[in-house]
PDB file of N, CA and C in Angstrom:
ATOM      1  N   MET A   1       0.840  -1.185   0.000  1.00  0.00           N
ATOM      2  CA  MET A   1       0.000   0.000   0.000  1.00  0.00           C
ATOM      3  C   MET A   1       0.886   1.249   0.000  1.00  0.00           C
ATOM      4  N   SER A   2       0.386   2.279  -0.610  1.00  0.00           N
ATOM      5  CA  SER A   2       1.097   3.557  -0.628  1.00  0.00           C
ATOM      6  C   SER A   2       1.077   4.166   0.778  1.00  0.00           C
ATOM      7  N   PRO A   3       1.956   5.134   1.036  1.00  0.00           N
ATOM      8  CA  PRO A   3       1.939   5.778   2.362  1.00  0.00           C
ATOM      9  C   PRO A   3       0.577   6.386   2.720  1.00  0.00           C
ATOM     10  N   GLY A   4      -0.081   6.998   1.755  1.00  0.00           N
ATOM     11  CA  GLY A   4      -1.401   7.578   2.025  1.00  0.00           C
ATOM     12  C   GLY A   4      -2.426   6.509   2.372  1.00  0.00           C
ATOM     13  N   ALA A   5      -2.371   5.382   1.671  1.00  0.00           N
ATOM     14  CA  ALA A   5      -3.287   4.270   1.953  1.00  0.00           C
ATOM     15  C   ALA A   5      -2.987   3.677   3.324  1.00  0.00           C
ATOM     16  N   GLN A   6      -1.716   3.589   3.671  1.00  0.00           N
ATOM     17  CA  GLN A   6      -1.336   3.053   4.979  1.00  0.00           C
ATOM     18  C   GLN A   6      -1.840   3.943   6.113  1.00  0.00           C
ATOM     19  N   ARG A   7      -1.739   5.253   5.936  1.00  0.00           N
ATOM     20  CA  ARG A   7      -2.241   6.172   6.966  1.00  0.00           C
ATOM     21  C   ARG A   7      -3.751   6.012   7.148  1.00  0.00           C
ATOM     22  N   GLU A   8      -4.459   5.887   6.031  1.00  0.00           N
ATOM     23  CA  GLU A   8      -5.910   5.716   6.103  1.00  0.00           C
ATOM     24  C   GLU A   8      -6.243   4.369   6.745  1.00  0.00           C
ATOM     25  N   TRP A   9      -5.489   3.331   6.431  1.00  0.00           N
ATOM     26  CA  TRP A   9      -5.673   2.003   7.027  1.00  0.00           C
ATOM     27  C   TRP A   9      -5.560   2.098   8.553  1.00  0.00           C
ATOM     28  N   LEU A  10      -4.505   2.741   9.029  1.00  0.00           N
ATOM     29  CA  LEU A  10      -4.300   2.861  10.476  1.00  0.00           C
ATOM     30  C   LEU A  10      -5.419   3.654  11.135  1.00  0.00           C
ATOM     31  N   ARG A  11      -5.851   4.723  10.475  1.00  0.00           N
ATOM     32  CA  ARG A  11      -6.920   5.542  11.023  1.00  0.00           C
ATOM     33  C   ARG A  11      -8.218   4.736  11.121  1.00  0.00           C
ATOM     34  N   LEU A  12      -8.571   4.050  10.035  1.00  0.00           N
ATOM     35  CA  LEU A  12      -9.842   3.331  10.008  1.00  0.00           C
ATOM     36  C   LEU A  12      -9.838   2.087  10.884  1.00  0.00           C
ATOM     37  N   THR A  13      -8.753   1.325  10.859  1.00  0.00           N
ATOM     38  CA  THR A  13      -8.735   0.117  11.690  1.00  0.00           C
ATOM     39  C   THR A  13      -8.820   0.478  13.165  1.00  0.00           C
ATOM     40  N   GLY A  14      -8.218   1.594  13.544  1.00  0.00           N
ATOM     41  CA  GLY A  14      -8.329   2.041  14.937  1.00  0.00           C
ATOM     42  C   GLY A  14      -9.761   2.351  15.307  1.00  0.00           C
ATOM     43  N   GLU A  15     -10.438   3.099  14.452  1.00  0.00           N
ATOM     44  CA  GLU A  15     -11.835   3.479  14.732  1.00  0.00           C
ATOM     45  C   GLU A  15     -12.760   2.269  14.688  1.00  0.00           C
ATOM     46  N   LEU A  16     -12.606   1.422  13.673  1.00  0.00           N
ATOM     47  CA  LEU A  16     -13.481   0.259  13.541  1.00  0.00           C
ATOM     48  C   LEU A  16     -13.256  -0.749  14.667  1.00  0.00           C
ATOM     49  N   SER A  17     -12.020  -0.861  15.118  1.00  0.00           N
ATOM     50  CA  SER A  17     -11.726  -1.772  16.229  1.00  0.00           C
ATOM     51  C   SER A  17     -12.395  -1.306  17.514  1.00  0.00           C
ATOM     52  N   LYS A  18     -12.369  -0.004  17.770  1.00  0.00           N
ATOM     53  CA  LYS A  18     -13.027   0.542  18.967  1.00  0.00           C
ATOM     54  C   LYS A  18     -14.506   0.185  18.990  1.00  0.00           C
ATOM     55  N   LEU A  19     -15.120   0.145  17.810  1.00  0.00           N
ATOM     56  CA  LEU A  19     -16.549  -0.127  17.697  1.00  0.00           C
ATOM     57  C   LEU A  19     -16.854  -1.617  17.519  1.00  0.00           C
ATOM     58  N   ASN A  20     -15.802  -2.433  17.500  1.00  0.00           N
ATOM     59  CA  ASN A  20     -15.948  -3.877  17.300  1.00  0.00           C
ATOM     60  C   ASN A  20     -16.641  -4.182  15.964  1.00  0.00           C
ATOM     61  N   LEU A  21     -16.237  -3.458  14.922  1.00  0.00           N
ATOM     62  CA  LEU A  21     -16.869  -3.600  13.606  1.00  0.00           C
ATOM     63  C   LEU A  21     -15.914  -4.118  12.536  1.00  0.00           C
ATOM     64  N   ILE A  22     -14.827  -4.764  12.918  1.00  0.00           N
ATOM     65  CA  ILE A  22     -13.875  -5.222  11.922  1.00  0.00           C
ATOM     66  C   ILE A  22     -13.307  -6.579  12.330  1.00  0.00           C
ATOM     67  N   THR A  23     -13.102  -7.422  11.309  1.00  0.00           N
ATOM     68  CA  THR A  23     -12.474  -8.722  11.522  1.00  0.00           C
ATOM     69  C   THR A  23     -11.414  -8.909  10.444  1.00  0.00           C
ATOM     70  N   ASN A  24     -10.667 -10.005  10.543  1.00  0.00           N
ATOM     71  CA  ASN A  24      -9.664 -10.313   9.514  1.00  0.00           C
ATOM     72  C   ASN A  24     -10.298 -10.516   8.145  1.00  0.00           C
ATOM     73  N   LEU A  25     -11.551 -10.887   8.101  1.00  0.00           N
ATOM     74  CA  LEU A  25     -12.243 -11.091   6.832  1.00  0.00           C
ATOM     75  C   LEU A  25     -12.428  -9.791   6.055  1.00  0.00           C
ATOM     76  N   ASP A  26     -12.345  -8.671   6.744  1.00  0.00           N
ATOM     77  CA  ASP A  26     -12.579  -7.367   6.127  1.00  0.00           C
ATOM     78  C   ASP A  26     -11.339  -6.776   5.473  1.00  0.00           C
ATOM     79  N   ARG A  27     -10.215  -7.446   5.590  1.00  0.00           N
ATOM     80  CA  ARG A  27      -8.940  -6.884   5.150  1.00  0.00           C
ATOM     81  C   ARG A  27      -8.940  -6.460   3.681  1.00  0.00           C
ATOM     82  N   GLY A  28      -9.409  -7.302   2.788  1.00  0.00           N
ATOM     83  CA  GLY A  28      -9.392  -6.977   1.360  1.00  0.00           C
ATOM     84  C   GLY A  28     -10.237  -5.762   1.012  1.00  0.00           C
ATOM     85  N   ALA A  29     -11.453  -5.737   1.543  1.00  0.00           N
ATOM     86  CA  ALA A  29     -12.347  -4.606   1.250  1.00  0.00           C
ATOM     87  C   ALA A  29     -11.787  -3.311   1.828  1.00  0.00           C
ATOM     88  N   LEU A  30     -11.249  -3.390   3.035  1.00  0.00           N
ATOM     89  CA  LEU A  30     -10.707  -2.184   3.659  1.00  0.00           C
ATOM     90  C   LEU A  30      -9.444  -1.714   2.942  1.00  0.00           C
ATOM     91  N   ALA A  31      -8.613  -2.650   2.502  1.00  0.00           N
ATOM     92  CA  ALA A  31      -7.409  -2.285   1.740  1.00  0.00           C
ATOM     93  C   ALA A  31      -7.793  -1.621   0.423  1.00  0.00           C
ATOM     94  N   THR A  32      -8.841  -2.133  -0.218  1.00  0.00           N
ATOM     95  CA  THR A  32      -9.320  -1.528  -1.467  1.00  0.00           C
ATOM     96  C   THR A  32      -9.795  -0.104  -1.211  1.00  0.00           C
ATOM     97  N   TYR A  33     -10.554   0.087  -0.133  1.00  0.00           N
ATOM     98  CA  TYR A  33     -11.007   1.429   0.226  1.00  0.00           C
ATOM     99  C   TYR A  33      -9.813   2.356   0.446  1.00  0.00           C
ATOM    100  N   CYS A  34      -8.835   1.888   1.198  1.00  0.00           N
ATOM    101  CA  CYS A  34      -7.677   2.730   1.527  1.00  0.00           C
ATOM    102  C   CYS A  34      -6.880   3.085   0.277  1.00  0.00           C
ATOM    103  N   GLY A  35      -6.731   2.123  -0.641  1.00  0.00           N
ATOM    104  CA  GLY A  35      -6.038   2.405  -1.898  1.00  0.00           C
ATOM    105  C   GLY A  35      -6.790   3.430  -2.730  1.00  0.00           C
ATOM    106  N   ALA A  36      -8.113   3.289  -2.789  1.00  0.00           N
ATOM    107  CA  ALA A  36      -8.934   4.251  -3.532  1.00  0.00           C
ATOM    108  C   ALA A  36      -8.851   5.627  -2.880  1.00  0.00           C
ATOM    109  N   TYR A  37      -8.865   5.651  -1.549  1.00  0.00           N
ATOM    110  CA  TYR A  37      -8.757   6.925  -0.837  1.00  0.00           C
ATOM    111  C   TYR A  37      -7.443   7.630  -1.182  1.00  0.00           C
ATOM    112  N   ALA A  38      -6.358   6.878  -1.168  1.00  0.00           N
ATOM    113  CA  ALA A  38      -5.051   7.477  -1.456  1.00  0.00           C
ATOM    114  C   ALA A  38      -4.990   8.026  -2.879  1.00  0.00           C
ATOM    115  N   MET A  39      -5.522   7.268  -3.847  1.00  0.00           N
ATOM    116  CA  MET A  39      -5.529   7.771  -5.231  1.00  0.00           C
ATOM    117  C   MET A  39      -6.447   8.971  -5.379  1.00  0.00           C
ATOM    118  N   TRP A  40      -7.589   8.952  -4.696  1.00  0.00           N
ATOM    119  CA  TRP A  40      -8.502  10.096  -4.718  1.00  0.00           C
ATOM    120  C   TRP A  40      -7.805  11.333  -4.161  1.00  0.00           C
ATOM    121  N   ALA A  41      -7.146  11.179  -3.011  1.00  0.00           N
ATOM    122  CA  ALA A  41      -6.475  12.322  -2.377  1.00  0.00           C
ATOM    123  C   ALA A  41      -5.375  12.879  -3.277  1.00  0.00           C
ATOM    124  N   GLU A  42      -4.604  11.994  -3.903  1.00  0.00           N
ATOM    125  CA  GLU A  42      -3.542  12.438  -4.808  1.00  0.00           C
ATOM    126  C   GLU A  42      -4.130  13.173  -6.017  1.00  0.00           C
ATOM    127  N   SER A  43      -5.212  12.642  -6.549  1.00  0.00           N
ATOM    128  CA  SER A  43      -5.873  13.291  -7.690  1.00  0.00           C
ATOM    129  C   SER A  43      -6.411  14.661  -7.302  1.00  0.00           C
ATOM    130  N   MET A  44      -6.980  14.760  -6.121  1.00  0.00           N
ATOM    131  CA  MET A  44      -7.515  16.038  -5.667  1.00  0.00           C
ATOM    132  C   MET A  44      -6.405  17.076  -5.490  1.00  0.00           C
ATOM    133  N   GLU A  45      -5.246  16.639  -5.022  1.00  0.00           N
ATOM    134  CA  GLU A  45      -4.105  17.560  -4.911  1.00  0.00           C
ATOM    135  C   GLU A  45      -3.720  18.108  -6.284  1.00  0.00           C
ATOM    136  N   GLN A  46      -3.716  17.237  -7.280  1.00  0.00           N
ATOM    137  CA  GLN A  46      -3.359  17.672  -8.631  1.00  0.00           C
ATOM    138  C   GLN A  46      -4.427  18.589  -9.231  1.00  0.00           C
ATOM    139  N   ILE A  47      -5.678  18.312  -8.925  1.00  0.00           N
ATOM    140  CA  ILE A  47      -6.757  19.188  -9.397  1.00  0.00           C
ATOM    141  C   ILE A  47      -6.620  20.567  -8.751  1.00  0.00           C
ATOM    142  N   GLN A  48      -6.295  20.607  -7.471  1.00  0.00           N
ATOM    143  CA  GLN A  48      -6.078  21.886  -6.804  1.00  0.00           C
ATOM    144  C   GLN A  48      -4.898  22.631  -7.428  1.00  0.00           C
ATOM    145  N   LYS A  49      -3.886  21.892  -7.798  1.00  0.00           N
ATOM    146  CA  LYS A  49      -2.685  22.503  -8.368  1.00  0.00           C
ATOM    147  C   LYS A  49      -2.905  22.997  -9.801  1.00  0.00           C
ATOM    148  N   TYR A  50      -3.546  22.176 -10.645  1.00  0.00           N
ATOM    149  CA  TYR A  50      -3.674  22.493 -12.068  1.00  0.00           C
ATOM    150  C   TYR A  50      -5.066  22.924 -12.505  1.00  0.00           C
ATOM    151  N   GLY A  51      -6.072  22.695 -11.661  1.00  0.00           N
ATOM    152  CA  GLY A  51      -7.446  23.048 -12.029  1.00  0.00           C
ATOM    153  C   GLY A  51      -8.169  21.898 -12.702  1.00  0.00           C
ATOM    154  N   THR A  52      -9.475  22.091 -12.911  1.00  0.00           N
ATOM    155  CA  THR A  52     -10.283  21.041 -13.537  1.00  0.00           C
ATOM    156  C   THR A  52     -10.158  21.048 -15.053  1.00  0.00           C
ATOM    157  N   MET A  53      -9.686  22.163 -15.596  1.00  0.00           N
ATOM    158  CA  MET A  53      -9.451  22.262 -17.039  1.00  0.00           C
ATOM    159  C   MET A  53      -7.966  22.521 -17.268  1.00  0.00           C
ATOM    160  N   VAL A  54      -7.392  21.804 -18.224  1.00  0.00           N
ATOM    161  CA  VAL A  54      -5.982  21.977 -18.576  1.00  0.00           C
ATOM    162  C   VAL A  54      -5.885  22.138 -20.083  1.00  0.00           C
ATOM    163  N   LYS A  55      -4.728  22.558 -20.556  1.00  0.00           N
ATOM    164  CA  LYS A  55      -4.526  22.691 -22.001  1.00  0.00           C
ATOM    165  C   LYS A  55      -4.018  21.379 -22.562  1.00  0.00           C
ATOM    166  N   SER A  56      -4.602  20.987 -23.686  1.00  0.00           N
ATOM    167  CA  SER A  56      -4.140  19.791 -24.385  1.00  0.00           C
ATOM    168  C   SER A  56      -2.814  20.117 -25.069  1.00  0.00           C
ATOM    169  N   PRO A  57      -2.109  19.109 -25.573  1.00  0.00           N
ATOM    170  CA  PRO A  57      -0.858  19.381 -26.297  1.00  0.00           C
ATOM    171  C   PRO A  57      -1.042  20.323 -27.495  1.00  0.00           C
ATOM    172  N   THR A  58      -2.251  20.355 -28.036  1.00  0.00           N
ATOM    173  CA  THR A  58      -2.513  21.259 -29.158  1.00  0.00           C
ATOM    174  C   THR A  58      -2.962  22.643 -28.697  1.00  0.00           C
ATOM    175  N   GLY A  59      -3.087  22.826 -27.375  1.00  0.00           N
ATOM    176  CA  GLY A  59      -3.430  24.144 -26.844  1.00  0.00           C
ATOM    177  C   GLY A  59      -4.889  24.353 -26.521  1.00  0.00           C
ATOM    178  N   PHE A  60      -5.736  23.378 -26.821  1.00  0.00           N
ATOM    179  CA  PHE A  60      -7.164  23.518 -26.519  1.00  0.00           C
ATOM    180  C   PHE A  60      -7.450  23.084 -25.083  1.00  0.00           C
ATOM    181  N   PRO A  61      -8.421  23.732 -24.439  1.00  0.00           N
ATOM    182  CA  PRO A  61      -8.759  23.329 -23.065  1.00  0.00           C
ATOM    183  C   PRO A  61      -9.482  21.978 -23.052  1.00  0.00           C
ATOM    184  N   ILE A  62      -9.089  21.140 -22.115  1.00  0.00           N
ATOM    185  CA  ILE A  62      -9.738  19.839 -21.916  1.00  0.00           C
ATOM    186  C   ILE A  62      -9.912  19.611 -20.416  1.00  0.00           C
ATOM    187  N   GLN A  63     -10.786  18.679 -20.086  1.00  0.00           N
ATOM    188  CA  GLN A  63     -10.969  18.304 -18.682  1.00  0.00           C
ATOM    189  C   GLN A  63      -9.705  17.620 -18.185  1.00  0.00           C
ATOM    190  N   SER A  64      -9.298  17.937 -16.990  1.00  0.00           N
ATOM    191  CA  SER A  64      -8.122  17.328 -16.394  1.00  0.00           C
ATOM    192  C   SER A  64      -8.310  15.820 -16.268  1.00  0.00           C
ATOM    193  N   PRO A  65      -7.318  15.039 -16.658  1.00  0.00           N
ATOM    194  CA  PRO A  65      -7.416  13.586 -16.476  1.00  0.00           C
ATOM    195  C   PRO A  65      -7.536  13.203 -14.998  1.00  0.00           C
ATOM    196  N   TYR A  66      -7.053  14.067 -14.121  1.00  0.00           N
ATOM    197  CA  TYR A  66      -7.151  13.797 -12.688  1.00  0.00           C
ATOM    198  C   TYR A  66      -8.602  13.821 -12.206  1.00  0.00           C
ATOM    199  N   LEU A  67      -9.447  14.555 -12.900  1.00  0.00           N
ATOM    200  CA  LEU A  67     -10.851  14.627 -12.514  1.00  0.00           C
ATOM    201  C   LEU A  67     -11.526  13.267 -12.687  1.00  0.00           C
ATOM    202  N   ALA A  68     -11.246  12.588 -13.782  1.00  0.00           N
ATOM    203  CA  ALA A  68     -11.820  11.259 -14.015  1.00  0.00           C
ATOM    204  C   ALA A  68     -11.315  10.263 -12.973  1.00  0.00           C
ATOM    205  N   ILE A  69     -10.044  10.362 -12.627  1.00  0.00           N
ATOM    206  CA  ILE A  69      -9.480   9.474 -11.604  1.00  0.00           C
ATOM    207  C   ILE A  69     -10.144   9.736 -10.258  1.00  0.00           C
ATOM    208  N   ALA A  70     -10.243  10.998  -9.879  1.00  0.00           N
ATOM    209  CA  ALA A  70     -10.862  11.350  -8.603  1.00  0.00           C
ATOM    210  C   ALA A  70     -12.305  10.875  -8.538  1.00  0.00           C
ATOM    211  N   ASN A  71     -13.062  11.068  -9.618  1.00  0.00           N
ATOM    212  CA  ASN A  71     -14.463  10.652  -9.632  1.00  0.00           C
ATOM    213  C   ASN A  71     -14.598   9.141  -9.511  1.00  0.00           C
ATOM    214  N   ARG A  72     -13.758   8.390 -10.221  1.00  0.00           N
ATOM    215  CA  ARG A  72     -13.824   6.921 -10.169  1.00  0.00           C
ATOM    216  C   ARG A  72     -13.462   6.414  -8.775  1.00  0.00           C
ATOM    217  N   GLN A  73     -12.426   6.969  -8.177  1.00  0.00           N
ATOM    218  CA  GLN A  73     -12.022   6.536  -6.839  1.00  0.00           C
ATOM    219  C   GLN A  73     -13.090   6.893  -5.805  1.00  0.00           C
ATOM    220  N   ALA A  74     -13.748   8.035  -5.985  1.00  0.00           N
ATOM    221  CA  ALA A  74     -14.836   8.425  -5.078  1.00  0.00           C
ATOM    222  C   ALA A  74     -15.988   7.421  -5.163  1.00  0.00           C
ATOM    223  N   GLU A  75     -16.285   6.938  -6.371  1.00  0.00           N
ATOM    224  CA  GLU A  75     -17.334   5.923  -6.537  1.00  0.00           C
ATOM    225  C   GLU A  75     -16.973   4.646  -5.781  1.00  0.00           C
ATOM    226  N   ILE A  76     -15.744   4.201  -5.935  1.00  0.00           N
ATOM    227  CA  ILE A  76     -15.278   2.995  -5.240  1.00  0.00           C
ATOM    228  C   ILE A  76     -15.362   3.198  -3.733  1.00  0.00           C
ATOM    229  N   MET A  77     -14.878   4.350  -3.277  1.00  0.00           N
ATOM    230  CA  MET A  77     -14.891   4.634  -1.845  1.00  0.00           C
ATOM    231  C   MET A  77     -16.317   4.626  -1.288  1.00  0.00           C
ATOM    232  N   MET A  78     -17.236   5.246  -1.979  1.00  0.00           N
ATOM    233  CA  MET A  78     -18.605   5.325  -1.470  1.00  0.00           C
ATOM    234  C   MET A  78     -19.264   3.946  -1.430  1.00  0.00           C
ATOM    235  N   ARG A  79     -18.972   3.117  -2.410  1.00  0.00           N
ATOM    236  CA  ARG A  79     -19.544   1.772  -2.425  1.00  0.00           C
ATOM    237  C   ARG A  79     -19.037   0.965  -1.217  1.00  0.00           C
ATOM    238  N   ILE A  80     -17.741   1.024  -0.969  1.00  0.00           N
ATOM    239  CA  ILE A  80     -17.175   0.283   0.162  1.00  0.00           C
ATOM    240  C   ILE A  80     -17.554   0.952   1.482  1.00  0.00           C
ATOM    241  N   ALA A  81     -17.606   2.275   1.501  1.00  0.00           N
ATOM    242  CA  ALA A  81     -17.957   3.009   2.717  1.00  0.00           C
ATOM    243  C   ALA A  81     -19.316   2.587   3.242  1.00  0.00           C
ATOM    244  N   SER A  82     -20.251   2.320   2.350  1.00  0.00           N
ATOM    245  CA  SER A  82     -21.579   1.922   2.804  1.00  0.00           C
ATOM    246  C   SER A  82     -21.550   0.542   3.458  1.00  0.00           C
ATOM    247  N   GLU A  83     -20.616  -0.305   3.060  1.00  0.00           N
ATOM    248  CA  GLU A  83     -20.487  -1.629   3.669  1.00  0.00           C
ATOM    249  C   GLU A  83     -19.961  -1.535   5.103  1.00  0.00           C
ATOM    250  N   PHE A  84     -19.088  -0.589   5.355  1.00  0.00           N
ATOM    251  CA  PHE A  84     -18.477  -0.450   6.667  1.00  0.00           C
ATOM    252  C   PHE A  84     -19.193   0.542   7.578  1.00  0.00           C
ATOM    253  N   GLY A  85     -20.221   1.209   7.075  1.00  0.00           N
ATOM    254  CA  GLY A  85     -20.941   2.176   7.908  1.00  0.00           C
ATOM    255  C   GLY A  85     -20.254   3.520   8.013  1.00  0.00           C
ATOM    256  N   PHE A  86     -19.523   3.915   6.957  1.00  0.00           N
ATOM    257  CA  PHE A  86     -18.820   5.203   6.973  1.00  0.00           C
ATOM    258  C   PHE A  86     -19.719   6.367   6.602  1.00  0.00           C
ATOM    259  N   THR A  87     -20.937   6.098   6.162  1.00  0.00           N
ATOM    260  CA  THR A  87     -21.863   7.169   5.806  1.00  0.00           C
ATOM    261  C   THR A  87     -22.996   7.193   6.837  1.00  0.00           C
ATOM    262  N   PRO A  88     -23.633   8.337   7.032  1.00  0.00           N
ATOM    263  CA  PRO A  88     -24.714   8.408   8.023  1.00  0.00           C
ATOM    264  C   PRO A  88     -25.837   7.402   7.763  1.00  0.00           C
ATOM    265  N   ALA A  89     -26.243   7.243   6.517  1.00  0.00           N
ATOM    266  CA  ALA A  89     -27.334   6.314   6.214  1.00  0.00           C
ATOM    267  C   ALA A  89     -26.927   4.869   6.485  1.00  0.00           C
ATOM    268  N   SER A  90     -25.716   4.498   6.078  1.00  0.00           N
ATOM    269  CA  SER A  90     -25.289   3.109   6.289  1.00  0.00           C
ATOM    270  C   SER A  90     -24.996   2.827   7.755  1.00  0.00           C
ATOM    271  N   ARG A  91     -24.566   3.822   8.491  1.00  0.00           N
ATOM    272  CA  ARG A  91     -24.269   3.645   9.910  1.00  0.00           C
ATOM    273  C   ARG A  91     -25.517   3.244  10.685  1.00  0.00           C
ATOM    274  N   SER A  92     -26.671   3.736  10.256  1.00  0.00           N
ATOM    275  CA  SER A  92     -27.916   3.413  10.960  1.00  0.00           C
ATOM    276  C   SER A  92     -28.314   1.948  10.752  1.00  0.00           C
ATOM    277  N   ARG A  93     -27.752   1.283   9.734  1.00  0.00           N
ATOM    278  CA  ARG A  93     -28.085  -0.116   9.457  1.00  0.00           C
ATOM    279  C   ARG A  93     -27.091  -1.097  10.064  1.00  0.00           C
ATOM    280  N   ILE A  94     -25.988  -0.608  10.605  1.00  0.00           N
ATOM    281  CA  ILE A  94     -24.940  -1.482  11.117  1.00  0.00           C
ATOM    282  C   ILE A  94     -24.991  -1.505  12.630  1.00  0.00           C
ATOM    283  N   SER A  95     -24.873  -2.712  13.185  1.00  0.00           N
ATOM    284  CA  SER A  95     -24.835  -2.823  14.640  1.00  0.00           C
ATOM    285  C   SER A  95     -23.653  -3.699  15.036  1.00  0.00           C
ATOM    286  N   ALA A  96     -23.029  -3.337  16.109  1.00  0.00           N
ATOM    287  CA  ALA A  96     -21.913  -4.108  16.642  1.00  0.00           C
ATOM    288  C   ALA A  96     -22.442  -5.079  17.676  1.00  0.00           C
ATOM    289  N   PRO A  97     -21.831  -6.267  17.770  1.00  0.00           N
ATOM    290  CA  PRO A  97     -22.261  -7.190  18.809  1.00  0.00           C
ATOM    291  C   PRO A  97     -21.886  -6.636  20.180  1.00  0.00           C
ATOM    292  N   PRO A  98     -22.655  -6.966  21.206  1.00  0.00           N
ATOM    293  CA  PRO A  98     -22.308  -6.501  22.551  1.00  0.00           C
ATOM    294  C   PRO A  98     -20.911  -6.984  22.940  1.00  0.00           C
ATOM    295  N   GLN A  99     -20.200  -6.194  23.722  1.00  0.00           N
ATOM    296  CA  GLN A  99     -18.829  -6.513  24.116  1.00  0.00           C
ATOM    297  C   GLN A  99     -18.733  -7.854  24.832  1.00  0.00           C
ATOM    298  N   ASP A 100     -19.766  -8.228  25.589  1.00  0.00           N
ATOM    299  CA  ASP A 100     -19.702  -9.467  26.355  1.00  0.00           C
ATOM    300  C   ASP A 100     -20.203 -10.688  25.578  1.00  0.00           C
ATOM    301  N   GLN A 101     -20.605 -10.499  24.320  1.00  0.00           N
ATOM    302  CA  GLN A 101     -21.111 -11.606  23.516  1.00  0.00           C
ATOM    303  C   GLN A 101     -19.954 -12.484  23.057  1.00  0.00           C
ATOM    304  N   LEU A 102     -20.095 -13.782  23.221  1.00  0.00           N
ATOM    305  CA  LEU A 102     -19.048 -14.705  22.798  1.00  0.00           C
ATOM    306  C   LEU A 102     -19.043 -14.838  21.279  1.00  0.00           C
ATOM    307  N   PRO A 103     -17.856 -15.082  20.680  1.00  0.00           N
ATOM    308  CA  PRO A 103     -17.818 -15.282  19.234  1.00  0.00           C
ATOM    309  C   PRO A 103     -18.540 -16.567  18.853  1.00  0.00           C
ATOM    310  N   LEU A 104     -19.012 -16.618  17.640  1.00  0.00           N
ATOM    311  CA  LEU A 104     -19.740 -17.782  17.158  1.00  0.00           C
ATOM    312  C   LEU A 104     -18.860 -19.028  17.176  1.00  0.00           C
ATOM    313  N   PHE A 105     -17.605 -18.865  16.762  1.00  0.00           N
ATOM    314  CA  PHE A 105     -16.665 -19.979  16.747  1.00  0.00           C
ATOM    315  C   PHE A 105     -15.526 -19.683  17.698  1.00  0.00           C
ATOM    316  N   ASP A 106     -15.058 -20.700  18.390  1.00  0.00           N
ATOM    317  CA  ASP A 106     -13.921 -20.550  19.284  1.00  0.00           C
ATOM    318  C   ASP A 106     -12.665 -20.282  18.472  1.00  0.00           C
ATOM    319  N   ALA A 107     -11.840 -19.344  18.924  1.00  0.00           N
ATOM    320  CA  ALA A 107     -10.625 -18.974  18.198  1.00  0.00           C
ATOM    321  C   ALA A 107      -9.653 -20.132  18.087  1.00  0.00           C
ATOM    322  N   ALA A 108      -9.743 -21.139  18.966  1.00  0.00           N
ATOM    323  CA  ALA A 108      -8.812 -22.265  18.936  1.00  0.00           C
ATOM    324  C   ALA A 108      -9.095 -23.211  17.772  1.00  0.00           C
ATOM    325  N   GLY A 109     -10.242 -23.112  17.172  1.00  0.00           N
ATOM    326  CA  GLY A 109     -10.556 -23.979  16.034  1.00  0.00           C
ATOM    327  C   GLY A 109     -11.654 -24.965  16.378  1.00  0.00           C
ATOM    328  N   PRO A 110     -12.001 -25.865  15.422  1.00  0.00           N
ATOM    329  CA  PRO A 110     -13.133 -26.768  15.619  1.00  0.00           C
ATOM    330  C   PRO A 110     -12.923 -27.804  16.720  1.00  0.00           C
ATOM    331  N   GLU A 111     -11.657 -28.173  17.010  1.00  0.00           N
ATOM    332  CA  GLU A 111     -11.430 -29.174  18.049  1.00  0.00           C
ATOM    333  C   GLU A 111     -11.527 -28.576  19.434  1.00  0.00           C
ATOM    334  N   GLY A 112     -11.422 -27.234  19.538  1.00  0.00           N
ATOM    335  CA  GLY A 112     -11.552 -26.579  20.826  1.00  0.00           C
ATOM    336  C   GLY A 112     -10.250 -26.426  21.453  1.00  0.00           C
TER     337      GLY A 112
END
């Protein structure tokens, strides 16, 4: 993961762990979110630097290629965000198990 994705990973895993809303099974989806976040943030920096319109090699104004990247990464982020409860609407549908509730399967495995 890129440094930006790693920072987002640490931030989110800390918050999700406090709420008991993350397991090892979530690693792939969360890594995808963090990677999309990092690319979105990088694209937004470039849009701030160069603007939403840039000059083509022939001198005509065109939409910045960074805008398409930022929009696509935002779509990915929002789709995954709803799975983890990162949006107000999705948060109302997610519930954490009570702290004293035992896990469904014993961590030692099927033999116990």
